[in-house]
Amino acid sequence: MIRRTFFHLLLASAMLAIAAPAAMAAKAGVVIQVSDSNPKTWNQALNVIKNVQKAYGKDNVDVELVVFGMGSGMLKLDSPLANRIDDALADGAQVSMCENTMKGQKLTKADMHPKIGYVKAGVIEIIEKSKEGWTVIRP
């Protein structure tokens, strides 16, 4: 009995020693939600991206900006923040537009910033990222 318990403890310790470095090496993930039409919120979201990448190092954190609903203007081709979107993308952030919102607002990819990505449903993207352990921020 004691031998079996000792063996189980030894096995558990070995598994922990193997798994711990992999867990510590995992990148942090931050998903930022923009779903309103206020340009101040848009700027705040872009500031959050920059601040998170600066604090953790852009190679140590995955950042995704998910835009849906009334936030769609942020990612339109004629957005006053197009240059800041370019900067966020160049710094490694992922910027995603909700295709459900686009359909509801009769927007096409030609209406949107040319370098962004797309997700079928912004809310679902945020839920799934949250389930994966990502931190959700809504400025």
C-alpha atoms as a PDB file:
ATOM      1  CA  MET A   1       0.000   0.000   0.000  1.00  0.00           C
ATOM      2  CA  ILE A   2       2.732   2.462   0.936  1.00  0.00           C
ATOM      3  CA  ARG A   3       4.741   1.440  -2.113  1.00  0.00           C
ATOM      4  CA  ARG A   4       1.730   2.048  -4.396  1.00  0.00           C
ATOM      5  CA  THR A   5       1.042   5.479  -2.852  1.00  0.00           C
ATOM      6  CA  PHE A   6       4.699   6.413  -3.216  1.00  0.00           C
ATOM      7  CA  PHE A   7       4.642   5.285  -6.847  1.00  0.00           C
ATOM      8  CA  HIS A   8       1.525   7.399  -7.559  1.00  0.00           C
ATOM      9  CA  LEU A   9       3.127  10.441  -5.920  1.00  0.00           C
ATOM     10  CA  LEU A  10       6.282   9.918  -7.944  1.00  0.00           C
ATOM     11  CA  LEU A  11       4.281   9.553 -11.155  1.00  0.00           C
ATOM     12  CA  ALA A  12       2.237  12.680 -10.407  1.00  0.00           C
ATOM     13  CA  SER A  13       5.401  14.660  -9.674  1.00  0.00           C
ATOM     14  CA  ALA A  14       6.968  13.568 -12.946  1.00  0.00           C
ATOM     15  CA  MET A  15       3.848  14.523 -14.896  1.00  0.00           C
ATOM     16  CA  LEU A  16       3.765  17.913 -13.187  1.00  0.00           C
ATOM     17  CA  ALA A  17       7.436  18.511 -13.969  1.00  0.00           C
ATOM     18  CA  ILE A  18       6.773  17.788 -17.635  1.00  0.00           C
ATOM     19  CA  ALA A  19       3.550  19.816 -17.879  1.00  0.00           C
ATOM     20  CA  ALA A  20       4.571  22.887 -15.853  1.00  0.00           C
ATOM     21  CA  PRO A  21       7.061  24.383 -18.349  1.00  0.00           C
ATOM     22  CA  ALA A  22       4.529  24.024 -21.173  1.00  0.00           C
ATOM     23  CA  ALA A  23       1.848  25.751 -19.122  1.00  0.00           C
ATOM     24  CA  MET A  24       4.193  28.576 -18.176  1.00  0.00           C
ATOM     25  CA  ALA A  25       5.206  29.045 -21.807  1.00  0.00           C
ATOM     26  CA  ALA A  26       1.602  29.484 -22.944  1.00  0.00           C
ATOM     27  CA  LYS A  27       0.794  32.958 -24.203  1.00  0.00           C
ATOM     28  CA  ALA A  28      -1.754  35.086 -22.462  1.00  0.00           C
ATOM     29  CA  GLY A  29      -4.789  35.992 -24.544  1.00  0.00           C
ATOM     30  CA  VAL A  30      -6.830  39.178 -24.437  1.00  0.00           C
ATOM     31  CA  VAL A  31      -9.976  39.741 -26.485  1.00  0.00           C
ATOM     32  CA  ILE A  32     -11.313  43.287 -26.684  1.00  0.00           C
ATOM     33  CA  GLN A  33     -14.954  43.905 -27.535  1.00  0.00           C
ATOM     34  CA  VAL A  34     -16.216  46.993 -29.366  1.00  0.00           C
ATOM     35  CA  SER A  35     -19.939  47.056 -29.981  1.00  0.00           C
ATOM     36  CA  ASP A  36     -20.920  50.705 -29.770  1.00  0.00           C
ATOM     37  CA  SER A  37     -20.700  53.686 -32.084  1.00  0.00           C
ATOM     38  CA  ASN A  38     -18.736  55.998 -29.803  1.00  0.00           C
ATOM     39  CA  PRO A  39     -15.361  56.980 -31.333  1.00  0.00           C
ATOM     40  CA  LYS A  40     -14.017  57.509 -27.797  1.00  0.00           C
ATOM     41  CA  THR A  41     -14.622  53.805 -27.124  1.00  0.00           C
ATOM     42  CA  TRP A  42     -12.874  52.922 -30.396  1.00  0.00           C
ATOM     43  CA  ASN A  43      -9.804  54.948 -29.400  1.00  0.00           C
ATOM     44  CA  GLN A  44      -9.856  53.452 -25.905  1.00  0.00           C
ATOM     45  CA  ALA A  45      -9.902  49.924 -27.360  1.00  0.00           C
ATOM     46  CA  LEU A  46      -6.894  50.707 -29.559  1.00  0.00           C
ATOM     47  CA  ASN A  47      -5.109  52.228 -26.555  1.00  0.00           C
ATOM     48  CA  VAL A  48      -5.788  49.023 -24.582  1.00  0.00           C
ATOM     49  CA  ILE A  49      -4.203  46.951 -27.363  1.00  0.00           C
ATOM     50  CA  LYS A  50      -1.080  49.096 -27.311  1.00  0.00           C
ATOM     51  CA  ASN A  51      -0.881  49.125 -23.497  1.00  0.00           C
ATOM     52  CA  VAL A  52      -1.332  45.354 -23.138  1.00  0.00           C
ATOM     53  CA  GLN A  53       1.332  44.664 -25.762  1.00  0.00           C
ATOM     54  CA  LYS A  54       3.695  47.129 -24.092  1.00  0.00           C
ATOM     55  CA  ALA A  55       3.149  45.654 -20.616  1.00  0.00           C
ATOM     56  CA  TYR A  56       3.523  41.988 -21.601  1.00  0.00           C
ATOM     57  CA  GLY A  57       5.607  42.303 -24.751  1.00  0.00           C
ATOM     58  CA  LYS A  58       3.776  41.804 -28.020  1.00  0.00           C
ATOM     59  CA  ASP A  59       5.419  38.398 -28.499  1.00  0.00           C
ATOM     60  CA  ASN A  60       4.080  37.207 -25.133  1.00  0.00           C
ATOM     61  CA  VAL A  61       0.398  38.020 -25.538  1.00  0.00           C
ATOM     62  CA  ASP A  62      -2.217  37.342 -28.191  1.00  0.00           C
ATOM     63  CA  VAL A  63      -4.631  40.227 -28.674  1.00  0.00           C
ATOM     64  CA  GLU A  64      -7.815  40.157 -30.715  1.00  0.00           C
ATOM     65  CA  LEU A  65     -10.142  43.086 -31.264  1.00  0.00           C
ATOM     66  CA  VAL A  66     -13.655  41.846 -32.038  1.00  0.00           C
ATOM     67  CA  VAL A  67     -16.072  44.380 -33.489  1.00  0.00           C
ATOM     68  CA  PHE A  68     -19.812  43.884 -33.919  1.00  0.00           C
ATOM     69  CA  GLY A  69     -23.118  45.722 -33.744  1.00  0.00           C
ATOM     70  CA  MET A  70     -22.926  49.485 -33.627  1.00  0.00           C
ATOM     71  CA  GLY A  71     -19.119  49.327 -33.495  1.00  0.00           C
ATOM     72  CA  SER A  72     -18.938  48.471 -37.207  1.00  0.00           C
ATOM     73  CA  GLY A  73     -18.034  52.047 -38.160  1.00  0.00           C
ATOM     74  CA  MET A  74     -14.667  51.530 -36.487  1.00  0.00           C
ATOM     75  CA  LEU A  75     -13.646  49.077 -39.207  1.00  0.00           C
ATOM     76  CA  LYS A  76     -15.223  50.690 -42.239  1.00  0.00           C
ATOM     77  CA  LEU A  77     -12.990  51.695 -45.100  1.00  0.00           C
ATOM     78  CA  ASP A  78     -13.573  55.403 -44.368  1.00  0.00           C
ATOM     79  CA  SER A  79     -13.063  55.133 -40.589  1.00  0.00           C
ATOM     80  CA  PRO A  80     -11.165  58.051 -39.058  1.00  0.00           C
ATOM     81  CA  LEU A  81      -9.137  55.407 -37.197  1.00  0.00           C
ATOM     82  CA  ALA A  82      -7.942  53.473 -40.259  1.00  0.00           C
ATOM     83  CA  ASN A  83      -4.306  54.396 -39.586  1.00  0.00           C
ATOM     84  CA  ARG A  84      -4.576  53.193 -35.968  1.00  0.00           C
ATOM     85  CA  ILE A  85      -6.119  49.919 -37.192  1.00  0.00           C
ATOM     86  CA  ASP A  86      -3.115  49.556 -39.520  1.00  0.00           C
ATOM     87  CA  ASP A  87      -0.781  50.130 -36.556  1.00  0.00           C
ATOM     88  CA  ALA A  88      -2.560  47.529 -34.392  1.00  0.00           C
ATOM     89  CA  LEU A  89      -2.376  44.972 -37.189  1.00  0.00           C
ATOM     90  CA  ALA A  90       1.302  45.753 -37.841  1.00  0.00           C
ATOM     91  CA  ASP A  91       1.997  45.191 -34.136  1.00  0.00           C
ATOM     92  CA  GLY A  92       0.487  41.720 -34.318  1.00  0.00           C
ATOM     93  CA  ALA A  93      -3.031  42.249 -33.024  1.00  0.00           C
ATOM     94  CA  GLN A  94      -5.820  40.410 -34.771  1.00  0.00           C
ATOM     95  CA  VAL A  95      -8.752  42.612 -35.787  1.00  0.00           C
ATOM     96  CA  SER A  96     -12.002  40.807 -36.552  1.00  0.00           C
ATOM     97  CA  MET A  97     -15.347  42.018 -37.854  1.00  0.00           C
ATOM     98  CA  CYS A  98     -18.606  40.157 -37.248  1.00  0.00           C
ATOM     99  CA  GLU A  99     -20.132  38.862 -40.477  1.00  0.00           C
ATOM    100  CA  ASN A 100     -23.601  38.678 -38.852  1.00  0.00           C
ATOM    101  CA  THR A 101     -23.407  42.425 -38.208  1.00  0.00           C
ATOM    102  CA  MET A 102     -22.241  43.051 -41.756  1.00  0.00           C
ATOM    103  CA  LYS A 103     -25.177  41.080 -43.135  1.00  0.00           C
ATOM    104  CA  GLY A 104     -27.638  42.928 -40.886  1.00  0.00           C
ATOM    105  CA  GLN A 105     -26.214  46.314 -41.843  1.00  0.00           C
ATOM    106  CA  LYS A 106     -25.903  45.368 -45.528  1.00  0.00           C
ATOM    107  CA  LEU A 107     -22.129  45.844 -45.485  1.00  0.00           C
ATOM    108  CA  THR A 108     -19.731  43.987 -47.763  1.00  0.00           C
ATOM    109  CA  LYS A 109     -16.032  43.310 -47.394  1.00  0.00           C
ATOM    110  CA  ALA A 110     -15.492  46.083 -49.952  1.00  0.00           C
ATOM    111  CA  ASP A 111     -16.989  48.492 -47.375  1.00  0.00           C
ATOM    112  CA  MET A 112     -14.489  47.447 -44.716  1.00  0.00           C
ATOM    113  CA  HIS A 113     -10.831  48.089 -43.911  1.00  0.00           C
ATOM    114  CA  PRO A 114      -8.899  45.921 -46.373  1.00  0.00           C
ATOM    115  CA  LYS A 115      -6.576  44.245 -43.848  1.00  0.00           C
ATOM    116  CA  ILE A 116      -9.005  43.024 -41.173  1.00  0.00           C
ATOM    117  CA  GLY A 117     -10.228  39.498 -40.585  1.00  0.00           C
ATOM    118  CA  TYR A 118     -13.748  38.202 -40.169  1.00  0.00           C
ATOM    119  CA  VAL A 119     -15.630  35.971 -37.759  1.00  0.00           C
ATOM    120  CA  LYS A 120     -19.087  34.559 -38.340  1.00  0.00           C
ATOM    121  CA  ALA A 121     -20.451  35.915 -35.059  1.00  0.00           C
ATOM    122  CA  GLY A 122     -18.596  38.386 -32.851  1.00  0.00           C
ATOM    123  CA  VAL A 123     -20.382  37.370 -29.663  1.00  0.00           C
ATOM    124  CA  ILE A 124     -19.606  33.695 -30.281  1.00  0.00           C
ATOM    125  CA  GLU A 125     -15.940  34.539 -30.947  1.00  0.00           C
ATOM    126  CA  ILE A 126     -15.760  36.300 -27.575  1.00  0.00           C
ATOM    127  CA  ILE A 127     -17.520  33.440 -25.768  1.00  0.00           C
ATOM    128  CA  GLU A 128     -15.175  30.861 -27.306  1.00  0.00           C
ATOM    129  CA  LYS A 129     -12.068  32.897 -26.450  1.00  0.00           C
ATOM    130  CA  SER A 130     -13.353  33.253 -22.888  1.00  0.00           C
ATOM    131  CA  LYS A 131     -13.832  29.482 -22.638  1.00  0.00           C
ATOM    132  CA  GLU A 132     -10.196  29.080 -23.782  1.00  0.00           C
ATOM    133  CA  GLY A 133      -9.061  31.256 -20.873  1.00  0.00           C
ATOM    134  CA  TRP A 134      -8.681  34.568 -22.686  1.00  0.00           C
ATOM    135  CA  THR A 135      -9.365  37.735 -20.702  1.00  0.00           C
ATOM    136  CA  VAL A 136     -12.316  39.697 -22.095  1.00  0.00           C
ATOM    137  CA  ILE A 137     -12.153  43.491 -21.984  1.00  0.00           C
ATOM    138  CA  ARG A 138     -14.863  45.907 -22.985  1.00  0.00           C
ATOM    139  CA  PRO A 139     -13.596  49.493 -22.806  1.00  0.00           C
END
